[in-house]
Amino acid sequence: MNIFLNWLGTLPGAASQGLIWGVMAIGLYITFKILDVADLTVDGSICTGAAVCVVLVTKGVNIWIAMLAAFVAGALAGLVTGFLHTLLGIPVILSGILTQLMLWSVNLLILGGSNIALTRLKYGDKVLFTSDSSPESAQIYITLGILLAISAVIIAVLYWFFGTELGISLRSTGSNLEMSRAQGINTNFTKVFGLALSNAIVAFSGALLAQQQASANINMGKGAIVIGLAAIIVGEAFCMKATTNFAVRLLFVAVGAIVYWFVYQTVIFLGLPSELLKMLSALVVAIFLGVPYLKKRLFSKKKGVKKHA
């Protein structure tokens, strides 16, 4: 019983971590599902958002302004990827890799090194929430409330935006590029805008992650796209096949990230050696990505058996 209660005590922290990565996954959803492109910029732009936010906070800038600056920095990173793709004709996946490599140097310059800490004693009153996730602390529940509110606002704004003329044009570009061009849509503009918006949200999640971890680290974005894709796939498994409501789809992307971190936190709680955590992360993502395919094959086999009968 004590073990179970201790495990339950770890879940609020995992939920807050999941919500932060859920914001990141929502940003990735724009390129991966709406624009139908694989953008690898996010591994760099999430760190850019964290670096910009932390540096500005340590210089005394208001946290909301710091997070807005992180949002803008991410948008600029997305613009670079978009321009490499549309102006130079470089495939978007390679454009993302090139921008990610550039951002490694940019992030080092912003940080002035490999890491900057946001110590709780010095900066705890200057950020939205701190890294205190102990079960007996009320701070973790305050953090959850803040993150839920931020996630709800992001989903609401995106739901409104993708109902506008520009948002519909962006969705049309991802659905049918040639038809969109035939309808007079500037598809190069919508691609660039979509990449900028996606990475702006990703960088914003990096600003949240920096506050939760009380630091910005040059390596914090490694593997971000894998976690984001896992969240999207898990969200699909839960809901996306059953509804066409865009807001609900975005909501379950965030739910997918929370489920991922619940699984991750559970394995850590069970005492898996730290050397194996990266391998575990890859295996969990592989399982989540493979389940829809296996379900599809199993369903098709059952359907074939019924027809043969």
Protein backbone atom coordinates (compact mmCIF):
# COMPACT_ATOMS: atom_id res chain seq x y z
CA MET A 1 0.00 0.00 0.00
CA ASN A 2 2.81 2.41 0.88
CA ILE A 3 4.49 1.72 -2.45
CA PHE A 4 1.24 2.49 -4.27
CA LEU A 5 0.77 5.73 -2.34
CA ASN A 6 4.35 6.74 -3.06
CA TRP A 7 3.76 6.05 -6.75
CA LEU A 8 0.62 8.20 -6.69
CA GLY A 9 2.71 10.96 -5.15
CA THR A 10 4.93 11.02 -8.25
CA LEU A 11 2.01 11.51 -10.67
CA PRO A 12 1.39 15.26 -10.12
CA GLY A 13 4.99 15.96 -11.10
CA ALA A 14 4.65 13.71 -14.14
CA ALA A 15 1.40 15.47 -15.09
CA SER A 16 3.03 18.90 -14.95
CA GLN A 17 5.95 17.61 -17.03
CA GLY A 18 3.46 16.10 -19.47
CA LEU A 19 1.54 19.36 -19.84
CA ILE A 20 4.72 21.24 -20.71
CA TRP A 21 5.67 18.68 -23.32
CA GLY A 22 2.04 18.66 -24.42
CA VAL A 23 2.40 22.33 -25.41
CA MET A 24 5.49 21.34 -27.37
CA ALA A 25 3.56 18.49 -29.04
CA ILE A 26 0.75 20.88 -30.01
CA GLY A 27 3.37 23.01 -31.80
CA LEU A 28 4.73 19.92 -33.55
CA TYR A 29 1.18 18.88 -34.51
CA ILE A 30 0.94 21.97 -36.75
CA THR A 31 3.78 20.79 -38.99
CA PHE A 32 3.45 17.02 -38.63
CA LYS A 33 -0.32 16.71 -39.04
CA ILE A 34 -1.59 19.96 -40.56
CA LEU A 35 1.25 20.87 -42.96
CA ASP A 36 2.18 17.19 -43.38
CA VAL A 37 5.92 17.80 -43.11
CA ALA A 38 8.58 16.47 -40.73
CA ASP A 39 10.24 19.48 -39.11
CA LEU A 40 13.36 18.66 -37.08
CA THR A 41 13.92 22.28 -36.05
CA VAL A 42 12.09 21.63 -32.79
CA ASP A 43 15.06 19.89 -31.13
CA GLY A 44 16.85 23.23 -31.33
CA SER A 45 14.01 25.73 -30.99
CA ILE A 46 12.79 24.32 -27.66
CA CYS A 47 16.25 25.01 -26.24
CA THR A 48 16.24 28.47 -27.84
CA GLY A 49 13.01 29.33 -26.03
CA ALA A 50 14.44 28.11 -22.72
CA ALA A 51 17.70 30.00 -23.21
CA VAL A 52 16.02 33.29 -24.12
CA CYS A 53 13.60 33.07 -21.21
CA VAL A 54 16.23 32.21 -18.60
CA VAL A 55 18.71 34.87 -19.75
CA LEU A 56 16.05 37.59 -19.69
CA VAL A 57 14.74 36.53 -16.27
CA THR A 58 18.26 36.60 -14.80
CA LYS A 59 18.59 40.15 -16.16
CA GLY A 60 15.45 41.24 -14.34
CA VAL A 61 12.94 41.13 -17.22
CA ASN A 62 9.32 40.30 -16.36
CA ILE A 63 8.56 36.60 -16.89
CA TRP A 64 5.67 37.25 -19.30
CA ILE A 65 7.88 39.44 -21.48
CA ALA A 66 10.61 36.80 -21.28
CA MET A 67 8.19 34.10 -22.46
CA LEU A 68 6.91 36.37 -25.25
CA ALA A 69 10.53 36.88 -26.34
CA ALA A 70 10.99 33.09 -26.34
CA PHE A 71 7.88 32.80 -28.53
CA VAL A 72 9.30 35.32 -31.01
CA ALA A 73 12.72 33.62 -31.00
CA GLY A 74 11.08 30.31 -31.87
CA ALA A 75 9.15 31.97 -34.69
CA LEU A 76 12.41 33.33 -36.11
CA ALA A 77 13.91 29.83 -36.00
CA GLY A 78 10.90 28.52 -37.90
CA LEU A 79 11.27 31.33 -40.45
CA VAL A 80 14.85 30.24 -41.15
CA THR A 81 13.68 26.68 -41.82
CA GLY A 82 10.84 27.99 -43.98
CA PHE A 83 13.10 30.23 -46.06
CA LEU A 84 15.67 27.47 -46.57
CA HIS A 85 12.84 25.28 -47.85
CA THR A 86 10.89 27.77 -50.00
CA LEU A 87 13.65 30.09 -51.27
CA LEU A 88 16.48 27.59 -51.76
CA GLY A 89 14.37 24.54 -52.53
CA ILE A 90 15.96 22.43 -49.78
CA PRO A 91 13.68 19.59 -48.59
CA VAL A 92 11.98 20.58 -45.36
CA ILE A 93 13.49 17.75 -43.33
CA LEU A 94 17.01 18.84 -44.35
CA SER A 95 16.10 22.48 -43.77
CA GLY A 96 15.08 21.59 -40.23
CA ILE A 97 18.35 19.75 -39.63
CA LEU A 98 20.37 22.72 -40.92
CA THR A 99 18.46 25.16 -38.71
CA GLN A 100 18.85 22.84 -35.74
CA LEU A 101 22.62 22.81 -36.26
CA MET A 102 22.66 26.60 -36.48
CA LEU A 103 20.62 26.86 -33.30
CA TRP A 104 23.21 24.82 -31.38
CA SER A 105 25.67 27.68 -31.86
CA VAL A 106 23.00 30.33 -31.35
CA ASN A 107 21.88 28.75 -28.09
CA LEU A 108 25.47 28.60 -26.81
CA LEU A 109 25.87 32.29 -27.60
CA ILE A 110 22.61 33.18 -25.85
CA LEU A 111 23.48 31.16 -22.75
CA GLY A 112 27.13 32.24 -22.72
CA GLY A 113 27.97 28.62 -21.89
CA SER A 114 26.26 25.27 -21.60
CA ASN A 115 23.93 26.02 -18.68
CA ILE A 116 22.26 28.80 -16.68
CA ALA A 117 20.43 28.03 -13.43
CA LEU A 118 17.30 29.71 -12.09
CA THR A 119 17.88 29.12 -8.38
CA ARG A 120 14.66 29.00 -6.42
CA LEU A 121 15.89 31.28 -3.64
CA LYS A 122 16.95 34.03 -6.04
CA TYR A 123 14.40 33.75 -8.84
CA GLY A 124 11.50 31.82 -7.28
CA ASP A 125 9.33 34.94 -7.04
CA LYS A 126 10.17 36.04 -10.59
CA VAL A 127 8.84 32.97 -12.44
CA LEU A 128 5.35 31.49 -12.84
CA PHE A 129 6.23 28.30 -10.98
CA THR A 130 9.24 26.50 -9.51
CA SER A 131 10.62 22.99 -9.70
CA ASP A 132 9.26 21.95 -6.28
CA SER A 133 7.31 18.77 -7.09
CA SER A 134 7.25 17.09 -3.68
CA PRO A 135 3.84 15.52 -2.93
CA GLU A 136 3.47 17.42 0.35
CA SER A 137 4.04 20.77 -1.33
CA ALA A 138 1.11 22.84 -2.59
CA GLN A 139 3.40 24.30 -5.26
CA ILE A 140 3.00 21.32 -7.57
CA TYR A 141 -0.78 21.82 -7.65
CA ILE A 142 -0.35 25.55 -8.30
CA THR A 143 1.98 24.59 -11.15
CA LEU A 144 -0.61 22.17 -12.54
CA GLY A 145 -3.29 24.86 -12.43
CA ILE A 146 -1.08 27.36 -14.25
CA LEU A 147 -0.10 24.84 -16.92
CA LEU A 148 -3.71 23.73 -17.43
CA ALA A 149 -4.77 27.36 -17.91
CA ILE A 150 -1.93 28.04 -20.37
CA SER A 151 -2.71 24.86 -22.34
CA ALA A 152 -6.41 25.78 -22.50
CA VAL A 153 -5.60 29.28 -23.80
CA ILE A 154 -3.24 27.91 -26.47
CA ILE A 155 -5.83 25.37 -27.64
CA ALA A 156 -8.58 28.02 -27.71
CA VAL A 157 -6.45 30.50 -29.69
CA LEU A 158 -5.38 27.84 -32.20
CA TYR A 159 -8.98 26.65 -32.57
CA TRP A 160 -9.98 30.23 -33.41
CA PHE A 161 -6.99 30.81 -35.70
CA PHE A 162 -7.51 27.69 -37.81
CA GLY A 163 -11.06 28.84 -38.45
CA THR A 164 -9.82 32.09 -40.02
CA GLU A 165 -9.04 32.52 -43.72
CA LEU A 166 -5.29 32.21 -43.10
CA GLY A 167 -5.74 29.17 -40.89
CA ILE A 168 -7.94 27.44 -43.46
CA SER A 169 -5.35 28.23 -46.15
CA LEU A 170 -2.68 26.62 -43.99
CA ARG A 171 -4.80 23.50 -43.50
CA SER A 172 -5.56 23.38 -47.21
CA THR A 173 -1.84 23.56 -48.05
CA GLY A 174 -1.17 20.50 -45.95
CA SER A 175 -4.15 18.58 -47.31
CA ASN A 176 -3.63 19.20 -51.03
CA LEU A 177 -0.72 21.35 -52.15
CA GLU A 178 -1.55 21.45 -55.87
CA MET A 179 -5.22 22.16 -55.34
CA SER A 180 -4.35 24.97 -52.92
CA ARG A 181 -2.12 26.57 -55.54
CA ALA A 182 -4.89 26.22 -58.11
CA GLN A 183 -7.20 28.10 -55.69
CA GLY A 184 -4.75 31.00 -55.58
CA ILE A 185 -3.24 30.26 -52.15
CA ASN A 186 0.39 31.32 -51.74
CA THR A 187 1.57 27.95 -50.48
CA ASN A 188 5.14 29.13 -49.87
CA PHE A 189 3.80 31.77 -47.49
CA THR A 190 1.57 29.31 -45.65
CA LYS A 191 4.44 26.84 -45.28
CA VAL A 192 6.73 29.49 -43.84
CA PHE A 193 4.00 30.81 -41.56
CA GLY A 194 3.14 27.31 -40.34
CA LEU A 195 6.77 26.50 -39.57
CA ALA A 196 7.15 29.82 -37.73
CA LEU A 197 3.98 29.30 -35.69
CA SER A 198 4.92 25.72 -34.84
CA ASN A 199 8.40 26.60 -33.60
CA ALA A 200 7.10 29.65 -31.73
CA ILE A 201 4.84 27.36 -29.66
CA VAL A 202 7.69 24.87 -29.23
CA ALA A 203 10.00 27.63 -27.96
CA PHE A 204 7.24 28.82 -25.63
CA SER A 205 7.11 25.31 -24.16
CA GLY A 206 10.89 25.55 -23.74
CA ALA A 207 10.37 28.68 -21.62
CA LEU A 208 7.93 26.71 -19.44
CA LEU A 209 10.33 23.77 -19.24
CA ALA A 210 13.17 26.04 -18.10
CA GLN A 211 11.05 27.24 -15.18
CA GLN A 212 10.04 23.69 -14.26
CA GLN A 213 13.66 22.49 -14.37
CA ALA A 214 15.00 25.76 -12.88
CA SER A 215 17.62 25.98 -15.62
CA ALA A 216 18.33 26.15 -19.33
CA ASN A 217 20.76 23.59 -20.69
CA ILE A 218 22.22 23.29 -24.17
CA ASN A 219 21.20 19.61 -24.31
CA MET A 220 17.61 20.00 -23.09
CA GLY A 221 16.12 19.74 -26.58
CA LYS A 222 17.68 16.42 -27.53
CA GLY A 223 14.99 13.92 -28.46
CA ALA A 224 12.19 16.50 -28.20
CA ILE A 225 10.71 15.54 -31.55
CA VAL A 226 10.48 11.88 -30.46
CA ILE A 227 8.48 12.80 -27.36
CA GLY A 228 6.28 15.13 -29.41
CA LEU A 229 5.54 12.45 -32.00
CA ALA A 230 4.77 9.95 -29.24
CA ALA A 231 2.27 12.39 -27.72
CA ILE A 232 0.56 12.89 -31.08
CA ILE A 233 0.32 9.14 -31.75
CA VAL A 234 -1.00 8.42 -28.25
CA GLY A 235 -3.54 11.21 -28.73
CA GLU A 236 -4.63 9.56 -31.97
CA ALA A 237 -5.04 6.24 -30.22
CA PHE A 238 -7.29 7.79 -27.58
CA CYS A 239 -9.46 10.11 -29.57
CA MET A 240 -8.53 11.41 -32.97
CA LYS A 241 -10.14 8.64 -34.98
CA ALA A 242 -13.43 9.26 -33.20
CA THR A 243 -13.83 13.01 -33.66
CA THR A 244 -13.21 15.73 -36.22
CA ASN A 245 -13.34 18.56 -33.69
CA PHE A 246 -10.04 20.37 -33.95
CA ALA A 247 -9.97 21.60 -30.34
CA VAL A 248 -10.58 18.07 -29.03
CA ARG A 249 -7.76 16.77 -31.20
CA LEU A 250 -5.36 19.32 -29.75
CA LEU A 251 -6.57 18.50 -26.24
CA PHE A 252 -5.76 14.83 -26.70
CA VAL A 253 -2.30 15.67 -28.02
CA ALA A 254 -1.67 17.15 -24.55
CA VAL A 255 -3.30 14.07 -22.97
CA GLY A 256 -0.94 11.88 -25.00
CA ALA A 257 2.07 13.72 -23.57
CA ILE A 258 0.75 13.25 -20.02
CA VAL A 259 0.26 9.50 -20.62
CA TYR A 260 3.79 9.26 -21.98
CA TRP A 261 5.23 10.88 -18.86
CA PHE A 262 3.09 8.74 -16.58
CA VAL A 263 4.66 5.65 -18.17
CA TYR A 264 8.13 7.18 -18.00
CA GLN A 265 7.73 8.23 -14.36
CA THR A 266 6.39 4.80 -13.40
CA VAL A 267 9.44 3.03 -14.80
CA ILE A 268 11.74 5.47 -12.99
CA PHE A 269 9.81 4.82 -9.77
CA LEU A 270 10.31 1.08 -10.21
CA GLY A 271 14.06 1.66 -10.04
CA LEU A 272 15.29 1.12 -13.59
CA PRO A 273 19.03 1.98 -13.80
CA SER A 274 19.55 5.51 -15.10
CA GLU A 275 21.84 4.20 -17.87
CA LEU A 276 18.82 2.49 -19.45
CA LEU A 277 16.40 5.43 -19.39
CA LYS A 278 17.24 6.61 -22.91
CA MET A 279 16.72 3.10 -24.25
CA LEU A 280 13.44 2.88 -22.36
CA SER A 281 12.31 6.18 -23.81
CA ALA A 282 13.00 4.93 -27.33
CA LEU A 283 11.19 1.64 -26.66
CA VAL A 284 8.14 3.39 -25.21
CA VAL A 285 7.94 5.66 -28.26
CA ALA A 286 8.42 2.69 -30.59
CA ILE A 287 5.54 0.87 -28.91
CA PHE A 288 3.27 3.91 -29.10
CA LEU A 289 4.15 4.45 -32.76
CA GLY A 290 3.74 0.79 -33.63
CA VAL A 291 0.40 0.10 -31.94
CA PRO A 292 -1.77 1.90 -34.57
CA TYR A 293 -0.06 -0.05 -37.37
CA LEU A 294 -0.46 -3.39 -35.56
CA LYS A 295 -4.12 -2.62 -34.83
CA LYS A 296 -4.68 -1.82 -38.49
CA ARG A 297 -3.07 -5.08 -39.61
CA LEU A 298 -5.01 -7.12 -37.06
CA PHE A 299 -8.27 -5.48 -38.11
CA SER A 300 -7.58 -6.12 -41.80
CA LYS A 301 -6.81 -9.78 -41.09
CA LYS A 302 -10.06 -10.23 -39.17
CA LYS A 303 -11.94 -8.52 -41.97
CA GLY A 304 -10.29 -10.83 -44.52
CA VAL A 305 -11.23 -13.91 -42.50
CA LYS A 306 -14.89 -12.79 -42.33
CA LYS A 307 -15.01 -12.20 -46.08
CA HIS A 308 -13.48 -15.61 -46.77
CA ALA A 309 -16.03 -17.24 -44.46
